[in-house]
């Protein structure tokens, strides 16, 4: 059997690619299966051979992506008729069902592309998302958030979302609040190589005018005066573990948690699904992987329309030229030899976090990652000091 166009007529290899792009061509034994959003056709070996002349098929995505589905089939529908606000919240008390008012939350981590993701999703026609951080659930102010979700977002079957990259750090407060008020909301969490994360977060604080101490004073716990930019916060696996998606009683898993942190664990068994991404996936220059990532995110959010390629947002205050020069002079290069001790601590966290994510978190049933093979590759990069590559690039550019 050959693959024919809608007007009838056999398609050769080059025509087939042109007709199906960006379809996925998948190897299934001796038969090539061609799939896109609308159709599926089998192609004979001879036609597949013609296709292979123009494209190296094994480099393509090795497994099909799920079909996009209607968001209203998976997230709670807005009730018809819309209930009055007074039936949901009165004063500081939540007295009614607010679960339909929030469907997705970008809960972490800071400096992992959360602003880019928030702004990008807000531009999607099926999504309503606040474009400023809303961290009320970490401060037991759920009534305020619910009122604003009700009043400031339009009525209709939208996917409603918020961003608060501090939520995942405040597990004792935010987790019970989500469990109680928004049990069907999905979580999105971004992570980043801990060495690069610390450098970015520290410099972000400096850029915004925080009186940051010397970077080496930020080793260990977040004490007063470091403004949450401390090495302990790069133990991403500790905070992810509190989401209750893995077997936290497993002795082998516990070994990857720093001993001083084990007694601090506040695990809540949450029903929410988690979409985990690595920062580099938001700006992947590989078009195939980029398309795969956006399709998986679309499916996770149950959107009918595709998510367009990311447009990078660089948060931070707009500064005058003189002030920017002053603050840039106070920023750090994490690869300087004066930061070796700091970087060593961050690499310890990086090794433990990457191993835990690969061995436990990625395999959890409620956790979604896009392109697992590539994600494993990204986690492997966490096991190397990024300064080695940075220094090599500098030498190569001289």
Protein backbone atom coordinates (compact mmCIF):
# COMPACT_ATOMS: atom_id res chain seq x y z
CA UNK A 1 0.00 0.00 0.00
CA UNK A 2 1.27 3.49 -0.80
CA UNK A 3 0.51 6.79 0.86
CA UNK A 4 -1.65 9.02 -1.35
CA UNK A 5 -2.39 12.73 -1.18
CA UNK A 6 -5.89 14.02 -0.63
CA UNK A 7 -6.23 14.53 -4.36
CA UNK A 8 -5.29 10.89 -5.02
CA UNK A 9 -1.97 9.84 -6.51
CA UNK A 10 1.07 8.17 -5.12
CA UNK A 11 3.64 10.21 -3.24
CA UNK A 12 7.37 9.62 -3.64
CA UNK A 13 9.85 9.97 -0.81
CA UNK A 14 10.52 13.71 -1.13
CA UNK A 15 6.82 14.48 -1.73
CA UNK A 16 5.85 12.31 1.21
CA UNK A 17 8.11 14.25 3.56
CA UNK A 18 6.84 17.55 2.24
CA UNK A 19 3.25 16.43 2.60
CA UNK A 20 3.63 15.03 6.12
CA UNK A 21 5.99 17.52 7.75
CA UNK A 22 5.93 17.94 10.72
CA UNK A 23 4.53 14.44 11.00
CA UNK A 24 6.44 11.78 12.87
CA UNK A 25 7.88 8.77 11.04
CA UNK A 26 8.23 5.83 13.35
CA UNK A 27 10.01 2.55 12.78
CA UNK A 28 7.84 -0.44 13.57
CA UNK A 29 9.68 -3.55 12.45
CA UNK A 30 9.69 -3.65 8.63
CA UNK A 31 6.82 -1.20 8.26
CA UNK A 32 7.02 2.56 8.60
CA UNK A 33 4.09 4.10 10.43
CA UNK A 34 3.35 7.72 9.52
CA UNK A 35 1.36 9.68 12.08
CA UNK A 36 0.20 13.23 12.50
CA UNK A 37 -2.60 14.85 14.44
CA UNK A 38 -5.22 13.77 11.94
CA UNK A 39 -4.35 10.49 10.30
CA UNK A 40 -2.27 7.34 10.36
CA UNK A 41 -1.12 5.47 7.28
CA UNK A 42 1.09 2.47 6.60
CA UNK A 43 3.84 2.77 3.97
CA UNK A 44 5.48 -0.05 2.07
CA UNK A 45 9.17 -0.80 2.46
CA UNK A 46 9.93 0.65 -0.97
CA UNK A 47 8.30 3.96 -0.09
CA UNK A 48 10.05 4.02 3.28
CA UNK A 49 13.35 3.46 1.46
CA UNK A 50 12.63 6.52 -0.66
CA UNK A 51 11.86 8.54 2.44
CA UNK A 52 15.09 7.45 4.09
CA UNK A 53 17.06 8.93 1.19
CA UNK A 54 16.05 12.39 2.36
CA UNK A 55 15.91 12.00 6.14
CA UNK A 56 17.77 9.88 8.66
CA UNK A 57 14.76 8.33 10.32
CA UNK A 58 16.43 7.00 13.51
CA UNK A 59 17.16 10.59 14.54
CA UNK A 60 13.46 11.30 14.81
CA UNK A 61 11.31 11.00 17.90
CA UNK A 62 11.25 7.30 18.79
CA UNK A 63 7.76 7.15 20.16
CA UNK A 64 4.40 8.76 19.32
CA UNK A 65 2.99 11.66 21.25
CA UNK A 66 -0.43 11.56 22.83
CA UNK A 67 -3.26 13.34 21.08
CA UNK A 68 -4.27 16.76 22.47
CA UNK A 69 -7.51 16.57 24.38
CA UNK A 70 -10.21 18.97 25.48
CA UNK A 71 -9.17 20.75 28.66
CA UNK A 72 -12.68 20.67 30.09
CA UNK A 73 -12.63 16.87 30.12
CA UNK A 74 -9.76 16.80 32.60
CA UNK A 75 -9.91 19.97 34.69
CA UNK A 76 -13.03 20.85 36.69
CA UNK A 77 -15.57 22.68 34.55
CA UNK A 78 -16.78 26.10 35.49
CA UNK A 79 -20.25 25.48 36.93
CA UNK A 80 -23.27 26.53 34.87
CA UNK A 81 -24.66 28.89 35.98
CA UNK A 82 -21.59 30.46 37.54
CA UNK A 83 -22.06 30.46 41.32
CA UNK A 84 -21.91 33.79 43.14
CA UNK A 85 -18.59 34.59 44.80
CA UNK A 86 -20.29 34.71 48.20
CA UNK A 87 -21.10 31.01 47.92
CA UNK A 88 -17.38 30.22 47.62
CA UNK A 89 -15.65 32.60 49.99
CA UNK A 90 -16.86 34.79 52.83
CA UNK A 91 -14.37 37.06 54.52
CA UNK A 92 -11.28 34.94 55.19
CA UNK A 93 -13.25 31.68 55.09
CA UNK A 94 -13.53 29.44 52.04
CA UNK A 95 -16.98 27.91 52.31
CA UNK A 96 -17.61 26.54 48.80
CA UNK A 97 -15.96 24.63 45.97
CA UNK A 98 -13.13 26.71 44.46
CA UNK A 99 -11.36 23.85 42.68
CA UNK A 100 -12.51 24.96 39.20
CA UNK A 101 -10.88 28.38 39.61
CA UNK A 102 -7.28 27.11 39.36
CA UNK A 103 -6.02 24.40 37.00
CA UNK A 104 -2.26 24.83 36.80
CA UNK A 105 0.46 26.32 38.99
CA UNK A 106 4.09 26.98 38.10
CA UNK A 107 5.50 26.33 41.56
CA UNK A 108 9.27 26.41 41.09
CA UNK A 109 12.11 26.83 41.05
CA UNK A 110 13.19 30.48 40.89
CA UNK A 111 15.56 31.35 38.03
CA UNK A 112 14.45 28.29 36.07
CA UNK A 113 12.46 30.00 33.33
CA UNK A 114 9.24 30.38 35.31
CA UNK A 115 8.65 33.96 34.13
CA UNK A 116 9.13 32.95 30.50
CA UNK A 117 6.71 30.07 30.90
CA UNK A 118 4.14 32.21 32.71
CA UNK A 119 4.15 34.94 30.06
CA UNK A 120 4.14 32.45 27.21
CA UNK A 121 1.23 30.42 28.51
CA UNK A 122 -0.75 33.57 29.22
CA UNK A 123 -0.60 34.43 25.51
CA UNK A 124 -2.33 31.15 24.58
CA UNK A 125 -6.01 31.68 23.68
CA UNK A 126 -7.17 28.81 25.90
CA UNK A 127 -5.24 29.94 28.97
CA UNK A 128 -5.88 32.66 31.53
CA UNK A 129 -2.84 33.26 33.71
CA UNK A 130 -1.84 35.99 36.09
CA UNK A 131 1.34 37.65 34.80
CA UNK A 132 2.63 38.49 38.26
CA UNK A 133 3.58 36.07 40.99
CA UNK A 134 0.70 35.00 43.20
CA UNK A 135 2.09 33.41 46.35
CA UNK A 136 -0.92 33.68 48.64
CA UNK A 137 -1.09 29.93 49.23
CA UNK A 138 2.34 30.03 50.87
CA UNK A 139 1.04 32.61 53.31
CA UNK A 140 -2.38 31.16 54.15
CA UNK A 141 -4.18 33.85 52.16
CA UNK A 142 -6.19 31.51 49.96
CA UNK A 143 -9.33 33.68 50.27
CA UNK A 144 -7.53 36.59 48.59
CA UNK A 145 -6.32 34.40 45.74
CA UNK A 146 -9.74 32.84 45.21
CA UNK A 147 -11.42 36.24 45.06
CA UNK A 148 -8.95 37.48 42.45
CA UNK A 149 -9.24 34.31 40.37
CA UNK A 150 -13.01 34.78 40.37
CA UNK A 151 -13.07 38.52 39.70
CA UNK A 152 -10.05 39.13 37.49
CA UNK A 153 -10.25 36.14 35.15
CA UNK A 154 -13.06 35.95 32.59
CA UNK A 155 -15.84 33.42 32.80
CA UNK A 156 -15.57 30.40 30.53
CA UNK A 157 -13.79 27.08 30.16
CA UNK A 158 -10.22 28.36 30.26
CA UNK A 159 -7.18 26.73 31.78
CA UNK A 160 -6.51 29.08 34.68
CA UNK A 161 -3.04 29.39 36.14
CA UNK A 162 -0.70 31.15 38.53
CA UNK A 163 3.03 31.27 39.11
CA UNK A 164 4.81 31.25 42.46
CA UNK A 165 8.34 29.80 42.32
CA UNK A 166 8.54 29.99 46.12
CA UNK A 167 5.64 27.59 46.61
CA UNK A 168 7.72 24.45 46.32
CA UNK A 169 10.01 25.75 49.09
CA UNK A 170 7.09 26.46 51.44
CA UNK A 171 5.85 22.90 51.62
CA UNK A 172 4.36 23.10 55.12
CA UNK A 173 1.93 25.79 53.97
CA UNK A 174 1.35 25.56 50.24
CA UNK A 175 1.00 21.78 49.90
CA UNK A 176 -1.93 21.42 52.33
CA UNK A 177 -3.59 24.44 50.70
CA UNK A 178 -3.44 22.92 47.21
CA UNK A 179 -4.58 19.59 48.58
CA UNK A 180 -7.59 21.21 50.24
CA UNK A 181 -8.70 23.86 47.74
CA UNK A 182 -7.27 22.85 44.33
CA UNK A 183 -6.77 19.06 44.41
CA UNK A 184 -7.12 18.69 40.63
CA UNK A 185 -4.70 21.43 39.66
CA UNK A 186 -1.52 20.39 37.84
CA UNK A 187 1.96 21.51 38.83
CA UNK A 188 4.76 22.66 36.53
CA UNK A 189 8.28 22.64 37.96
CA UNK A 190 11.50 23.78 36.30
CA UNK A 191 14.99 22.79 37.43
CA UNK A 192 18.48 23.86 36.42
CA UNK A 193 22.07 22.76 37.01
CA UNK A 194 22.65 23.88 40.64
CA UNK A 195 25.93 25.65 39.85
CA UNK A 196 24.33 27.75 37.13
CA UNK A 197 21.19 28.20 39.20
CA UNK A 198 23.08 29.75 42.10
CA UNK A 199 25.08 32.08 39.86
CA UNK A 200 21.89 33.27 38.14
CA UNK A 201 19.92 33.71 41.38
CA UNK A 202 22.72 35.53 43.21
CA UNK A 203 23.29 37.89 40.28
CA UNK A 204 19.55 38.45 39.94
CA UNK A 205 19.43 39.62 43.54
CA UNK A 206 22.38 41.95 42.91
CA UNK A 207 20.74 43.31 39.75
CA UNK A 208 17.57 44.13 41.68
CA UNK A 209 19.46 46.03 44.37
CA UNK A 210 19.60 43.52 47.21
CA UNK A 211 22.59 44.10 49.54
CA UNK A 212 24.05 40.65 48.94
CA UNK A 213 26.94 39.40 51.08
CA UNK A 214 30.01 37.82 49.42
CA UNK A 215 28.87 34.69 47.57
CA UNK A 216 30.94 32.38 49.79
CA UNK A 217 28.84 33.56 52.74
CA UNK A 218 25.85 31.90 51.08
CA UNK A 219 27.13 28.35 51.58
CA UNK A 220 24.73 26.22 53.59
CA UNK A 221 21.34 27.21 54.99
CA UNK A 222 19.53 30.40 54.03
CA UNK A 223 20.32 32.64 56.97
CA UNK A 224 19.19 36.23 57.39
CA UNK A 225 20.75 38.52 54.83
CA UNK A 226 21.27 36.10 51.93
CA UNK A 227 17.73 36.69 50.62
CA UNK A 228 17.09 33.00 49.89
CA UNK A 229 20.14 32.74 47.61
CA UNK A 230 21.91 29.94 49.45
CA UNK A 231 23.39 26.62 48.37
CA UNK A 232 20.88 24.59 50.39
CA UNK A 233 18.07 25.70 48.09
CA UNK A 234 19.77 23.89 45.22
CA UNK A 235 18.81 20.56 46.84
CA UNK A 236 15.96 20.37 44.37
CA UNK A 237 15.38 16.71 45.11
CA UNK A 238 14.52 17.49 48.74
CA UNK A 239 11.70 19.83 47.74
CA UNK A 240 10.48 17.62 44.90
CA UNK A 241 10.41 14.70 47.33
CA UNK A 242 7.93 16.57 49.52
CA UNK A 243 5.36 16.32 46.71
CA UNK A 244 4.85 12.70 47.75
CA UNK A 245 5.40 11.10 44.34
CA UNK A 246 8.13 8.65 45.41
CA UNK A 247 8.64 6.11 48.17
CA UNK A 248 10.22 8.37 50.75
CA UNK A 249 10.72 5.45 53.15
CA UNK A 250 13.12 3.72 50.75
CA UNK A 251 16.53 3.62 52.50
CA UNK A 252 18.38 4.01 49.19
CA UNK A 253 16.36 7.09 48.33
CA UNK A 254 16.85 8.57 51.79
CA UNK A 255 20.62 8.31 51.38
CA UNK A 256 20.46 10.99 48.69
CA UNK A 257 18.88 13.49 51.11
CA UNK A 258 21.43 15.44 53.17
CA UNK A 259 21.37 14.05 56.76
CA UNK A 260 20.62 17.44 58.33
CA UNK A 261 17.59 17.74 56.05
CA UNK A 262 15.97 14.36 56.65
CA UNK A 263 14.18 15.43 59.81
CA UNK A 264 12.82 18.50 57.98
CA UNK A 265 10.90 16.51 55.41
CA UNK A 266 7.22 17.37 55.17
CA UNK A 267 5.84 14.90 52.66
CA UNK A 268 2.23 15.36 51.53
CA UNK A 269 0.63 12.71 49.34
CA UNK A 270 -0.76 14.98 46.64
CA UNK A 271 -3.08 13.91 43.80
CA UNK A 272 -1.66 16.60 41.46
CA UNK A 273 0.29 15.64 38.38
CA UNK A 274 3.71 17.25 37.89
CA UNK A 275 5.31 18.36 34.62
CA UNK A 276 9.07 18.54 35.20
CA UNK A 277 11.33 20.39 32.78
CA UNK A 278 14.99 21.33 32.65
CA UNK A 279 15.67 24.98 31.83
CA UNK A 280 17.47 24.26 28.57
CA UNK A 281 14.29 22.65 27.19
CA UNK A 282 12.66 26.10 27.02
CA UNK A 283 15.24 27.30 24.51
CA UNK A 284 16.21 24.12 22.70
CA UNK A 285 17.72 24.86 19.28
CA UNK A 286 16.88 21.36 18.10
CA UNK A 287 13.56 21.88 16.30
CA UNK A 288 12.43 18.28 16.68
CA UNK A 289 12.99 18.27 20.43
CA UNK A 290 11.44 21.72 20.75
CA UNK A 291 8.29 20.56 18.93
CA UNK A 292 8.15 17.45 21.10
CA UNK A 293 8.46 19.49 24.30
CA UNK A 294 5.73 21.93 23.29
CA UNK A 295 3.42 19.09 22.28
CA UNK A 296 3.93 17.31 25.59
CA UNK A 297 3.25 20.52 27.50
CA UNK A 298 0.14 21.08 25.40
CA UNK A 299 -1.11 17.60 26.24
CA UNK A 300 -0.30 18.02 29.93
CA UNK A 301 -2.48 21.13 30.00
CA UNK A 302 -5.17 19.50 27.82
CA UNK A 303 -5.05 22.32 25.27
CA UNK A 304 -6.63 21.89 21.85
CA UNK A 305 -4.43 24.46 20.10
CA UNK A 306 -0.68 24.05 19.80
CA UNK A 307 1.71 26.05 21.98
CA UNK A 308 3.96 28.19 19.75
CA UNK A 309 7.76 28.29 20.19
CA UNK A 310 8.94 29.99 23.36
CA UNK A 311 9.86 33.66 23.41
CA UNK A 312 12.40 34.22 26.16
CA UNK A 313 11.54 36.72 28.91
CA UNK A 314 14.36 38.25 30.94
CA UNK A 315 12.91 39.40 34.27
CA UNK A 316 14.47 42.07 36.45
CA UNK A 317 14.39 45.81 36.93
CA UNK A 318 15.18 48.21 34.10
CA UNK A 319 18.23 50.19 35.17
CA UNK A 320 19.98 53.30 33.96
CA UNK A 321 23.29 52.71 32.21
CA UNK A 322 25.34 53.97 35.17
CA UNK A 323 23.42 51.96 37.74
CA UNK A 324 23.60 48.83 35.61
CA UNK A 325 27.37 49.18 35.35
CA UNK A 326 27.64 49.54 39.12
CA UNK A 327 25.58 46.45 39.80
CA UNK A 328 27.17 44.39 37.05
CA UNK A 329 30.50 45.01 38.76
CA UNK A 330 29.16 43.30 41.91
CA UNK A 331 27.93 40.21 40.08
CA UNK A 332 29.90 36.98 40.27
CA UNK A 333 31.41 34.58 37.79
CA UNK A 334 30.86 31.27 39.55
CA UNK A 335 33.83 29.81 37.66
CA UNK A 336 36.37 32.13 39.31
CA UNK A 337 38.82 30.21 41.47
CA UNK A 338 37.71 32.22 44.48
CA UNK A 339 34.40 30.35 44.32
CA UNK A 340 35.87 26.83 44.27
CA UNK A 341 34.53 25.92 47.73
CA UNK A 342 31.11 27.32 46.88
CA UNK A 343 31.05 25.45 43.60
CA UNK A 344 32.15 22.22 45.28
CA UNK A 345 29.13 22.36 47.59
CA UNK A 346 26.83 23.07 44.68
CA UNK A 347 28.27 20.13 42.74
CA UNK A 348 27.57 17.83 45.69
CA UNK A 349 23.95 18.92 45.52
CA UNK A 350 23.94 18.56 41.75
CA UNK A 351 25.15 14.96 41.86
CA UNK A 352 22.59 13.94 44.47
CA UNK A 353 19.71 15.78 42.81
CA UNK A 354 20.37 14.39 39.33
CA UNK A 355 20.67 10.83 40.63
CA UNK A 356 17.45 11.13 42.63
CA UNK A 357 15.52 12.66 39.75
CA UNK A 358 16.66 9.94 37.36
CA UNK A 359 16.24 6.96 39.69
CA UNK A 360 13.05 7.96 41.45
CA UNK A 361 11.18 11.09 40.43
CA UNK A 362 11.10 10.58 36.65
CA UNK A 363 9.67 7.10 37.17
CA UNK A 364 6.79 8.20 39.41
CA UNK A 365 3.36 7.65 37.90
CA UNK A 366 2.16 11.24 38.32
CA UNK A 367 5.34 12.83 36.95
CA UNK A 368 5.65 13.82 33.28
CA UNK A 369 8.89 14.72 31.52
CA UNK A 370 9.22 15.45 27.83
CA UNK A 371 11.56 13.19 25.85
CA UNK A 372 12.85 10.95 28.62
CA UNK A 373 16.00 9.99 26.73
CA UNK A 374 17.02 13.60 26.28
CA UNK A 375 16.08 14.39 29.87
CA UNK A 376 18.44 11.67 31.05
CA UNK A 377 21.15 13.30 28.93
CA UNK A 378 20.47 16.61 30.64
CA UNK A 379 20.71 14.99 34.06
CA UNK A 380 24.04 13.46 33.08
CA UNK A 381 25.33 16.97 32.39
CA UNK A 382 24.55 17.84 36.00
CA UNK A 383 27.25 15.38 37.02
CA UNK A 384 29.94 17.58 35.45
CA UNK A 385 31.11 21.02 36.57
CA UNK A 386 29.80 23.44 33.90
CA UNK A 387 32.84 25.63 34.43
CA UNK A 388 34.99 23.10 32.59
CA UNK A 389 33.00 23.70 29.42
CA UNK A 390 32.80 27.44 30.03
CA UNK A 391 36.57 27.76 30.37
CA UNK A 392 37.13 25.65 27.26
CA UNK A 393 34.77 27.89 25.29
CA UNK A 394 36.64 30.97 26.46
CA UNK A 395 39.96 29.52 25.37
CA UNK A 396 38.48 28.57 22.01
CA UNK A 397 37.18 32.07 21.41
CA UNK A 398 40.51 33.79 22.14
